[in-house]
Amino acid sequence: LTVAEIALLTQQEYAVRLGDLILRRTTLAITGTIDTGLTEAIASVAGRELGWDEARRRAEIEELIVDLENYHGVDRSTLDQRTMERTAPCL
């Protein structure tokens, strides 16, 4: 997922919520590739495109995490673990 794709989704597909972007407009959640780092990065880009302030960006992230846990059984610790696994150095 690129910055340009996120911009396109907000401008052409009218995605205005982080959950809509991640859960409905990408395969990140369904393939199990969403993690804390990706969530933060996507929220930053979407926030710039949609004019979110920091409070709104944080609220969007929190709402997404609640939805992931309630509807998909993926909690914050799972997202954090995925981030750690993906950023761990190769030995």
PDB file of N, CA and C in Angstrom:
ATOM      1  N   LEU A   1       0.857  -1.174   0.000  1.00  0.00           N
ATOM      2  CA  LEU A   1       0.000   0.000   0.000  1.00  0.00           C
ATOM      3  C   LEU A   1       0.898   1.230   0.000  1.00  0.00           C
ATOM      4  N   THR A   2       0.666   2.111  -0.934  1.00  0.00           N
ATOM      5  CA  THR A   2       1.510   3.292  -1.056  1.00  0.00           C
ATOM      6  C   THR A   2       0.765   4.546  -0.600  1.00  0.00           C
ATOM      7  N   VAL A   3       1.509   5.617  -0.423  1.00  0.00           N
ATOM      8  CA  VAL A   3       0.919   6.907  -0.071  1.00  0.00           C
ATOM      9  C   VAL A   3      -0.087   7.312  -1.148  1.00  0.00           C
ATOM     10  N   ALA A   4       0.270   7.117  -2.408  1.00  0.00           N
ATOM     11  CA  ALA A   4      -0.629   7.476  -3.505  1.00  0.00           C
ATOM     12  C   ALA A   4      -1.918   6.666  -3.463  1.00  0.00           C
ATOM     13  N   GLU A   5      -1.823   5.391  -3.107  1.00  0.00           N
ATOM     14  CA  GLU A   5      -3.035   4.567  -3.014  1.00  0.00           C
ATOM     15  C   GLU A   5      -3.943   5.038  -1.883  1.00  0.00           C
ATOM     16  N   ILE A   6      -3.354   5.389  -0.752  1.00  0.00           N
ATOM     17  CA  ILE A   6      -4.151   5.898   0.359  1.00  0.00           C
ATOM     18  C   ILE A   6      -4.837   7.204  -0.047  1.00  0.00           C
ATOM     19  N   ALA A   7      -4.099   8.079  -0.716  1.00  0.00           N
ATOM     20  CA  ALA A   7      -4.679   9.334  -1.195  1.00  0.00           C
ATOM     21  C   ALA A   7      -5.830   9.061  -2.155  1.00  0.00           C
ATOM     22  N   LEU A   8      -5.644   8.128  -3.068  1.00  0.00           N
ATOM     23  CA  LEU A   8      -6.694   7.777  -4.018  1.00  0.00           C
ATOM     24  C   LEU A   8      -7.940   7.260  -3.298  1.00  0.00           C
ATOM     25  N   LEU A   9      -7.738   6.400  -2.310  1.00  0.00           N
ATOM     26  CA  LEU A   9      -8.870   5.849  -1.573  1.00  0.00           C
ATOM     27  C   LEU A   9      -9.658   6.933  -0.840  1.00  0.00           C
ATOM     28  N   THR A  10      -8.959   7.947  -0.352  1.00  0.00           N
ATOM     29  CA  THR A  10      -9.673   9.023   0.339  1.00  0.00           C
ATOM     30  C   THR A  10     -10.319   9.986  -0.646  1.00  0.00           C
ATOM     31  N   GLN A  11      -9.702  10.210  -1.781  1.00  0.00           N
ATOM     32  CA  GLN A  11     -10.215  11.188  -2.742  1.00  0.00           C
ATOM     33  C   GLN A  11     -11.243  10.600  -3.707  1.00  0.00           C
ATOM     34  N   GLN A  12     -10.973   9.427  -4.229  1.00  0.00           N
ATOM     35  CA  GLN A  12     -11.844   8.842  -5.255  1.00  0.00           C
ATOM     36  C   GLN A  12     -12.853   7.839  -4.706  1.00  0.00           C
ATOM     37  N   GLU A  13     -12.484   7.150  -3.641  1.00  0.00           N
ATOM     38  CA  GLU A  13     -13.362   6.136  -3.063  1.00  0.00           C
ATOM     39  C   GLU A  13     -14.108   6.644  -1.833  1.00  0.00           C
ATOM     40  N   TYR A  14     -13.811   7.876  -1.439  1.00  0.00           N
ATOM     41  CA  TYR A  14     -14.491   8.547  -0.330  1.00  0.00           C
ATOM     42  C   TYR A  14     -14.369   7.807   1.000  1.00  0.00           C
ATOM     43  N   ALA A  15     -13.248   7.159   1.217  1.00  0.00           N
ATOM     44  CA  ALA A  15     -12.982   6.522   2.508  1.00  0.00           C
ATOM     45  C   ALA A  15     -12.598   7.632   3.485  1.00  0.00           C
ATOM     46  N   VAL A  16     -13.375   7.799   4.529  1.00  0.00           N
ATOM     47  CA  VAL A  16     -13.131   8.891   5.474  1.00  0.00           C
ATOM     48  C   VAL A  16     -12.798   8.410   6.879  1.00  0.00           C
ATOM     49  N   ARG A  17     -12.806   7.107   7.089  1.00  0.00           N
ATOM     50  CA  ARG A  17     -12.464   6.532   8.392  1.00  0.00           C
ATOM     51  C   ARG A  17     -11.317   5.555   8.211  1.00  0.00           C
ATOM     52  N   LEU A  18     -10.475   5.468   9.220  1.00  0.00           N
ATOM     53  CA  LEU A  18      -9.340   4.551   9.161  1.00  0.00           C
ATOM     54  C   LEU A  18      -9.814   3.108   9.019  1.00  0.00           C
ATOM     55  N   GLY A  19     -10.849   2.761   9.753  1.00  0.00           N
ATOM     56  CA  GLY A  19     -11.391   1.408   9.652  1.00  0.00           C
ATOM     57  C   GLY A  19     -11.868   1.078   8.255  1.00  0.00           C
ATOM     58  N   ASP A  20     -12.485   2.032   7.604  1.00  0.00           N
ATOM     59  CA  ASP A  20     -12.943   1.824   6.238  1.00  0.00           C
ATOM     60  C   ASP A  20     -11.758   1.571   5.312  1.00  0.00           C
ATOM     61  N   LEU A  21     -10.708   2.337   5.486  1.00  0.00           N
ATOM     62  CA  LEU A  21      -9.512   2.140   4.665  1.00  0.00           C
ATOM     63  C   LEU A  21      -8.917   0.752   4.866  1.00  0.00           C
ATOM     64  N   ILE A  22      -8.687   0.390   6.110  1.00  0.00           N
ATOM     65  CA  ILE A  22      -7.952  -0.848   6.404  1.00  0.00           C
ATOM     66  C   ILE A  22      -8.829  -2.089   6.287  1.00  0.00           C
ATOM     67  N   LEU A  23     -10.048  -2.021   6.789  1.00  0.00           N
ATOM     68  CA  LEU A  23     -10.896  -3.210   6.813  1.00  0.00           C
ATOM     69  C   LEU A  23     -11.647  -3.456   5.512  1.00  0.00           C
ATOM     70  N   ARG A  24     -11.980  -2.409   4.780  1.00  0.00           N
ATOM     71  CA  ARG A  24     -12.827  -2.576   3.607  1.00  0.00           C
ATOM     72  C   ARG A  24     -12.173  -2.235   2.273  1.00  0.00           C
ATOM     73  N   ARG A  25     -11.100  -1.463   2.297  1.00  0.00           N
ATOM     74  CA  ARG A  25     -10.503  -1.009   1.040  1.00  0.00           C
ATOM     75  C   ARG A  25      -9.142  -1.623   0.760  1.00  0.00           C
ATOM     76  N   THR A  26      -8.636  -2.416   1.697  1.00  0.00           N
ATOM     77  CA  THR A  26      -7.365  -3.116   1.492  1.00  0.00           C
ATOM     78  C   THR A  26      -7.522  -4.560   1.964  1.00  0.00           C
ATOM     79  N   THR A  27      -6.526  -5.362   1.695  1.00  0.00           N
ATOM     80  CA  THR A  27      -6.528  -6.754   2.175  1.00  0.00           C
ATOM     81  C   THR A  27      -5.671  -6.922   3.424  1.00  0.00           C
ATOM     82  N   LEU A  28      -5.197  -5.830   4.002  1.00  0.00           N
ATOM     83  CA  LEU A  28      -4.275  -5.908   5.144  1.00  0.00           C
ATOM     84  C   LEU A  28      -4.848  -6.678   6.324  1.00  0.00           C
ATOM     85  N   ALA A  29      -6.101  -6.441   6.650  1.00  0.00           N
ATOM     86  CA  ALA A  29      -6.688  -7.123   7.806  1.00  0.00           C
ATOM     87  C   ALA A  29      -7.010  -8.574   7.489  1.00  0.00           C
ATOM     88  N   ILE A  30      -7.604  -8.814   6.342  1.00  0.00           N
ATOM     89  CA  ILE A  30      -8.031 -10.169   6.007  1.00  0.00           C
ATOM     90  C   ILE A  30      -6.851 -11.114   5.810  1.00  0.00           C
ATOM     91  N   THR A  31      -5.722 -10.592   5.376  1.00  0.00           N
ATOM     92  CA  THR A  31      -4.536 -11.434   5.191  1.00  0.00           C
ATOM     93  C   THR A  31      -3.677 -11.520   6.448  1.00  0.00           C
ATOM     94  N   GLY A  32      -4.066 -10.765   7.480  1.00  0.00           N
ATOM     95  CA  GLY A  32      -3.309 -10.807   8.730  1.00  0.00           C
ATOM     96  C   GLY A  32      -2.009 -10.031   8.687  1.00  0.00           C
ATOM     97  N   THR A  33      -1.889  -9.099   7.763  1.00  0.00           N
ATOM     98  CA  THR A  33      -0.652  -8.326   7.669  1.00  0.00           C
ATOM     99  C   THR A  33      -0.730  -6.975   8.367  1.00  0.00           C
ATOM    100  N   ILE A  34      -1.895  -6.612   8.875  1.00  0.00           N
ATOM    101  CA  ILE A  34      -2.002  -5.334   9.581  1.00  0.00           C
ATOM    102  C   ILE A  34      -1.291  -5.445  10.926  1.00  0.00           C
ATOM    103  N   ASP A  35      -0.573  -4.409  11.275  1.00  0.00           N
ATOM    104  CA  ASP A  35       0.105  -4.362  12.559  1.00  0.00           C
ATOM    105  C   ASP A  35       0.093  -2.924  13.070  1.00  0.00           C
ATOM    106  N   THR A  36       0.641  -2.708  14.225  1.00  0.00           N
ATOM    107  CA  THR A  36       0.637  -1.376  14.828  1.00  0.00           C
ATOM    108  C   THR A  36       1.366  -0.363  13.954  1.00  0.00           C
ATOM    109  N   GLY A  37       2.515  -0.741  13.427  1.00  0.00           N
ATOM    110  CA  GLY A  37       3.294   0.168  12.595  1.00  0.00           C
ATOM    111  C   GLY A  37       2.549   0.583  11.341  1.00  0.00           C
ATOM    112  N   LEU A  38       1.938  -0.385  10.655  1.00  0.00           N
ATOM    113  CA  LEU A  38       1.163  -0.061   9.460  1.00  0.00           C
ATOM    114  C   LEU A  38      -0.041   0.804   9.796  1.00  0.00           C
ATOM    115  N   THR A  39      -0.687   0.501  10.894  1.00  0.00           N
ATOM    116  CA  THR A  39      -1.839   1.293  11.317  1.00  0.00           C
ATOM    117  C   THR A  39      -1.441   2.748  11.528  1.00  0.00           C
ATOM    118  N   GLU A  40      -0.344   2.955  12.229  1.00  0.00           N
ATOM    119  CA  GLU A  40       0.146   4.320  12.472  1.00  0.00           C
ATOM    120  C   GLU A  40       0.486   5.030  11.169  1.00  0.00           C
ATOM    121  N   ALA A  41       1.171   4.323  10.279  1.00  0.00           N
ATOM    122  CA  ALA A  41       1.583   4.926   9.008  1.00  0.00           C
ATOM    123  C   ALA A  41       0.376   5.288   8.146  1.00  0.00           C
ATOM    124  N   ILE A  42      -0.570   4.383   8.045  1.00  0.00           N
ATOM    125  CA  ILE A  42      -1.762   4.654   7.234  1.00  0.00           C
ATOM    126  C   ILE A  42      -2.574   5.791   7.842  1.00  0.00           C
ATOM    127  N   ALA A  43      -2.685   5.799   9.172  1.00  0.00           N
ATOM    128  CA  ALA A  43      -3.421   6.882   9.843  1.00  0.00           C
ATOM    129  C   ALA A  43      -2.751   8.233   9.601  1.00  0.00           C
ATOM    130  N   SER A  44      -1.452   8.266   9.559  1.00  0.00           N
ATOM    131  CA  SER A  44      -0.741   9.522   9.304  1.00  0.00           C
ATOM    132  C   SER A  44      -1.030  10.047   7.909  1.00  0.00           C
ATOM    133  N   VAL A  45      -0.951   9.173   6.929  1.00  0.00           N
ATOM    134  CA  VAL A  45      -1.212   9.594   5.551  1.00  0.00           C
ATOM    135  C   VAL A  45      -2.680   9.982   5.380  1.00  0.00           C
ATOM    136  N   ALA A  46      -3.579   9.140   5.867  1.00  0.00           N
ATOM    137  CA  ALA A  46      -5.008   9.441   5.750  1.00  0.00           C
ATOM    138  C   ALA A  46      -5.338  10.744   6.466  1.00  0.00           C
ATOM    139  N   GLY A  47      -4.729  10.935   7.625  1.00  0.00           N
ATOM    140  CA  GLY A  47      -4.964  12.163   8.384  1.00  0.00           C
ATOM    141  C   GLY A  47      -4.543  13.404   7.626  1.00  0.00           C
ATOM    142  N   ARG A  48      -3.417  13.329   6.939  1.00  0.00           N
ATOM    143  CA  ARG A  48      -2.986  14.471   6.112  1.00  0.00           C
ATOM    144  C   ARG A  48      -3.975  14.720   4.978  1.00  0.00           C
ATOM    145  N   GLU A  49      -4.419  13.657   4.353  1.00  0.00           N
ATOM    146  CA  GLU A  49      -5.350  13.783   3.233  1.00  0.00           C
ATOM    147  C   GLU A  49      -6.715  14.317   3.683  1.00  0.00           C
ATOM    148  N   LEU A  50      -7.133  13.913   4.871  1.00  0.00           N
ATOM    149  CA  LEU A  50      -8.485  14.248   5.343  1.00  0.00           C
ATOM    150  C   LEU A  50      -8.526  15.397   6.341  1.00  0.00           C
ATOM    151  N   GLY A  51      -7.368  15.956   6.654  1.00  0.00           N
ATOM    152  CA  GLY A  51      -7.325  17.108   7.551  1.00  0.00           C
ATOM    153  C   GLY A  51      -7.563  16.779   9.020  1.00  0.00           C
ATOM    154  N   TRP A  52      -7.195  15.565   9.435  1.00  0.00           N
ATOM    155  CA  TRP A  52      -7.365  15.188  10.835  1.00  0.00           C
ATOM    156  C   TRP A  52      -6.315  15.880  11.692  1.00  0.00           C
ATOM    157  N   ASP A  53      -6.724  16.282  12.895  1.00  0.00           N
ATOM    158  CA  ASP A  53      -5.734  16.722  13.872  1.00  0.00           C
ATOM    159  C   ASP A  53      -5.239  15.485  14.629  1.00  0.00           C
ATOM    160  N   GLU A  54      -4.292  15.690  15.530  1.00  0.00           N
ATOM    161  CA  GLU A  54      -3.704  14.554  16.248  1.00  0.00           C
ATOM    162  C   GLU A  54      -4.742  13.798  17.070  1.00  0.00           C
ATOM    163  N   ALA A  55      -5.665  14.506  17.695  1.00  0.00           N
ATOM    164  CA  ALA A  55      -6.696  13.852  18.503  1.00  0.00           C
ATOM    165  C   ALA A  55      -7.577  12.958  17.632  1.00  0.00           C
ATOM    166  N   ARG A  56      -7.945  13.440  16.466  1.00  0.00           N
ATOM    167  CA  ARG A  56      -8.776  12.638  15.552  1.00  0.00           C
ATOM    168  C   ARG A  56      -7.992  11.435  15.053  1.00  0.00           C
ATOM    169  N   ARG A  57      -6.727  11.617  14.725  1.00  0.00           N
ATOM    170  CA  ARG A  57      -5.899  10.496  14.265  1.00  0.00           C
ATOM    171  C   ARG A  57      -5.824   9.409  15.326  1.00  0.00           C
ATOM    172  N   ARG A  58      -5.587   9.800  16.578  1.00  0.00           N
ATOM    173  CA  ARG A  58      -5.514   8.830  17.678  1.00  0.00           C
ATOM    174  C   ARG A  58      -6.865   8.130  17.869  1.00  0.00           C
ATOM    175  N   ALA A  59      -7.957   8.905  17.788  1.00  0.00           N
ATOM    176  CA  ALA A  59      -9.298   8.327  17.949  1.00  0.00           C
ATOM    177  C   ALA A  59      -9.594   7.307  16.846  1.00  0.00           C
ATOM    178  N   GLU A  60      -9.177   7.605  15.620  1.00  0.00           N
ATOM    179  CA  GLU A  60      -9.381   6.676  14.506  1.00  0.00           C
ATOM    180  C   GLU A  60      -8.617   5.375  14.745  1.00  0.00           C
ATOM    181  N   ILE A  61      -7.397   5.480  15.233  1.00  0.00           N
ATOM    182  CA  ILE A  61      -6.597   4.293  15.534  1.00  0.00           C
ATOM    183  C   ILE A  61      -7.266   3.471  16.630  1.00  0.00           C
ATOM    184  N   GLU A  62      -7.695   4.135  17.683  1.00  0.00           N
ATOM    185  CA  GLU A  62      -8.332   3.416  18.792  1.00  0.00           C
ATOM    186  C   GLU A  62      -9.617   2.728  18.344  1.00  0.00           C
ATOM    187  N   GLU A  63     -10.408   3.405  17.520  1.00  0.00           N
ATOM    188  CA  GLU A  63     -11.646   2.800  17.027  1.00  0.00           C
ATOM    189  C   GLU A  63     -11.347   1.577  16.170  1.00  0.00           C
ATOM    190  N   LEU A  64     -10.322   1.674  15.329  1.00  0.00           N
ATOM    191  CA  LEU A  64      -9.932   0.531  14.508  1.00  0.00           C
ATOM    192  C   LEU A  64      -9.514  -0.646  15.385  1.00  0.00           C
ATOM    193  N   ILE A  65      -8.722  -0.393  16.412  1.00  0.00           N
ATOM    194  CA  ILE A  65      -8.260  -1.471  17.290  1.00  0.00           C
ATOM    195  C   ILE A  65      -9.436  -2.129  18.002  1.00  0.00           C
ATOM    196  N   VAL A  66     -10.394  -1.347  18.447  1.00  0.00           N
ATOM    197  CA  VAL A  66     -11.601  -1.901  19.078  1.00  0.00           C
ATOM    198  C   VAL A  66     -12.360  -2.771  18.081  1.00  0.00           C
ATOM    199  N   ASP A  67     -12.529  -2.285  16.851  1.00  0.00           N
ATOM    200  CA  ASP A  67     -13.222  -3.074  15.828  1.00  0.00           C
ATOM    201  C   ASP A  67     -12.476  -4.364  15.507  1.00  0.00           C
ATOM    202  N   LEU A  68     -11.161  -4.292  15.396  1.00  0.00           N
ATOM    203  CA  LEU A  68     -10.378  -5.500  15.126  1.00  0.00           C
ATOM    204  C   LEU A  68     -10.563  -6.532  16.229  1.00  0.00           C
ATOM    205  N   GLU A  69     -10.573  -6.062  17.466  1.00  0.00           N
ATOM    206  CA  GLU A  69     -10.743  -6.999  18.578  1.00  0.00           C
ATOM    207  C   GLU A  69     -12.166  -7.540  18.648  1.00  0.00           C
ATOM    208  N   ASN A  70     -13.154  -6.670  18.558  1.00  0.00           N
ATOM    209  CA  ASN A  70     -14.552  -7.090  18.695  1.00  0.00           C
ATOM    210  C   ASN A  70     -15.030  -7.982  17.562  1.00  0.00           C
ATOM    211  N   TYR A  71     -14.642  -7.672  16.342  1.00  0.00           N
ATOM    212  CA  TYR A  71     -15.189  -8.375  15.188  1.00  0.00           C
ATOM    213  C   TYR A  71     -14.256  -9.406  14.575  1.00  0.00           C
ATOM    214  N   HIS A  72     -12.965  -9.311  14.882  1.00  0.00           N
ATOM    215  CA  HIS A  72     -12.007 -10.200  14.233  1.00  0.00           C
ATOM    216  C   HIS A  72     -11.088 -10.932  15.208  1.00  0.00           C
ATOM    217  N   GLY A  73     -11.213 -10.650  16.505  1.00  0.00           N
ATOM    218  CA  GLY A  73     -10.414 -11.335  17.509  1.00  0.00           C
ATOM    219  C   GLY A  73      -8.941 -10.975  17.493  1.00  0.00           C
ATOM    220  N   VAL A  74      -8.608  -9.807  16.933  1.00  0.00           N
ATOM    221  CA  VAL A  74      -7.218  -9.352  16.875  1.00  0.00           C
ATOM    222  C   VAL A  74      -7.065  -8.179  17.829  1.00  0.00           C
ATOM    223  N   ASP A  75      -6.317  -8.384  18.901  1.00  0.00           N
ATOM    224  CA  ASP A  75      -6.185  -7.323  19.902  1.00  0.00           C
ATOM    225  C   ASP A  75      -4.897  -6.533  19.712  1.00  0.00           C
ATOM    226  N   ARG A  76      -4.750  -5.506  20.524  1.00  0.00           N
ATOM    227  CA  ARG A  76      -3.586  -4.621  20.438  1.00  0.00           C
ATOM    228  C   ARG A  76      -2.276  -5.388  20.609  1.00  0.00           C
ATOM    229  N   SER A  77      -2.252  -6.341  21.520  1.00  0.00           N
ATOM    230  CA  SER A  77      -0.998  -7.084  21.739  1.00  0.00           C
ATOM    231  C   SER A  77      -0.623  -7.902  20.504  1.00  0.00           C
ATOM    232  N   THR A  78      -1.597  -8.419  19.784  1.00  0.00           N
ATOM    233  CA  THR A  78      -1.320  -9.146  18.540  1.00  0.00           C
ATOM    234  C   THR A  78      -0.734  -8.203  17.494  1.00  0.00           C
ATOM    235  N   LEU A  79      -1.319  -7.011  17.375  1.00  0.00           N
ATOM    236  CA  LEU A  79      -0.801  -6.021  16.427  1.00  0.00           C
ATOM    237  C   LEU A  79       0.623  -5.622  16.785  1.00  0.00           C
ATOM    238  N   ASP A  80       0.863  -5.407  18.078  1.00  0.00           N
ATOM    239  CA  ASP A  80       2.215  -5.054  18.531  1.00  0.00           C
ATOM    240  C   ASP A  80       3.207  -6.181  18.252  1.00  0.00           C
ATOM    241  N   GLN A  81       2.781  -7.414  18.493  1.00  0.00           N
ATOM    242  CA  GLN A  81       3.656  -8.571  18.252  1.00  0.00           C
ATOM    243  C   GLN A  81       4.015  -8.680  16.777  1.00  0.00           C
ATOM    244  N   ARG A  82       3.027  -8.475  15.905  1.00  0.00           N
ATOM    245  CA  ARG A  82       3.304  -8.519  14.464  1.00  0.00           C
ATOM    246  C   ARG A  82       4.334  -7.456  14.080  1.00  0.00           C
ATOM    247  N   THR A  83       4.196  -6.274  14.654  1.00  0.00           N
ATOM    248  CA  THR A  83       5.146  -5.203  14.359  1.00  0.00           C
ATOM    249  C   THR A  83       6.542  -5.600  14.793  1.00  0.00           C
ATOM    250  N   MET A  84       6.652  -6.147  16.001  1.00  0.00           N
ATOM    251  CA  MET A  84       7.961  -6.574  16.505  1.00  0.00           C
ATOM    252  C   MET A  84       8.565  -7.650  15.625  1.00  0.00           C
ATOM    253  N   GLU A  85       7.767  -8.601  15.189  1.00  0.00           N
ATOM    254  CA  GLU A  85       8.258  -9.682  14.334  1.00  0.00           C
ATOM    255  C   GLU A  85       8.735  -9.153  12.993  1.00  0.00           C
ATOM    256  N   ARG A  86       8.037  -8.184  12.455  1.00  0.00           N
ATOM    257  CA  ARG A  86       8.396  -7.642  11.153  1.00  0.00           C
ATOM    258  C   ARG A  86       9.586  -6.708  11.197  1.00  0.00           C
ATOM    259  N   THR A  87       9.852  -6.152  12.357  1.00  0.00           N
ATOM    260  CA  THR A  87      10.963  -5.205  12.457  1.00  0.00           C
ATOM    261  C   THR A  87      12.178  -5.800  13.160  1.00  0.00           C
ATOM    262  N   ALA A  88      12.074  -7.050  13.580  1.00  0.00           N
ATOM    263  CA  ALA A  88      13.211  -7.699  14.246  1.00  0.00           C
ATOM    264  C   ALA A  88      14.332  -7.911  13.246  1.00  0.00           C
ATOM    265  N   PRO A  89      15.570  -7.685  13.664  1.00  0.00           N
ATOM    266  CA  PRO A  89      16.699  -7.883  12.741  1.00  0.00           C
ATOM    267  C   PRO A  89      16.902  -9.374  12.458  1.00  0.00           C
ATOM    268  N   CYS A  90      17.348  -9.652  11.260  1.00  0.00           N
ATOM    269  CA  CYS A  90      17.694 -11.025  10.890  1.00  0.00           C
ATOM    270  C   CYS A  90      19.023 -11.394  11.555  1.00  0.00           C
ATOM    271  N   LEU A  91      19.093 -12.579  12.032  1.00  0.00           N
ATOM    272  CA  LEU A  91      20.327 -13.049  12.656  1.00  0.00           C
ATOM    273  C   LEU A  91      21.045 -14.037  11.770  1.00  0.00           C
TER     274      LEU A  91
END
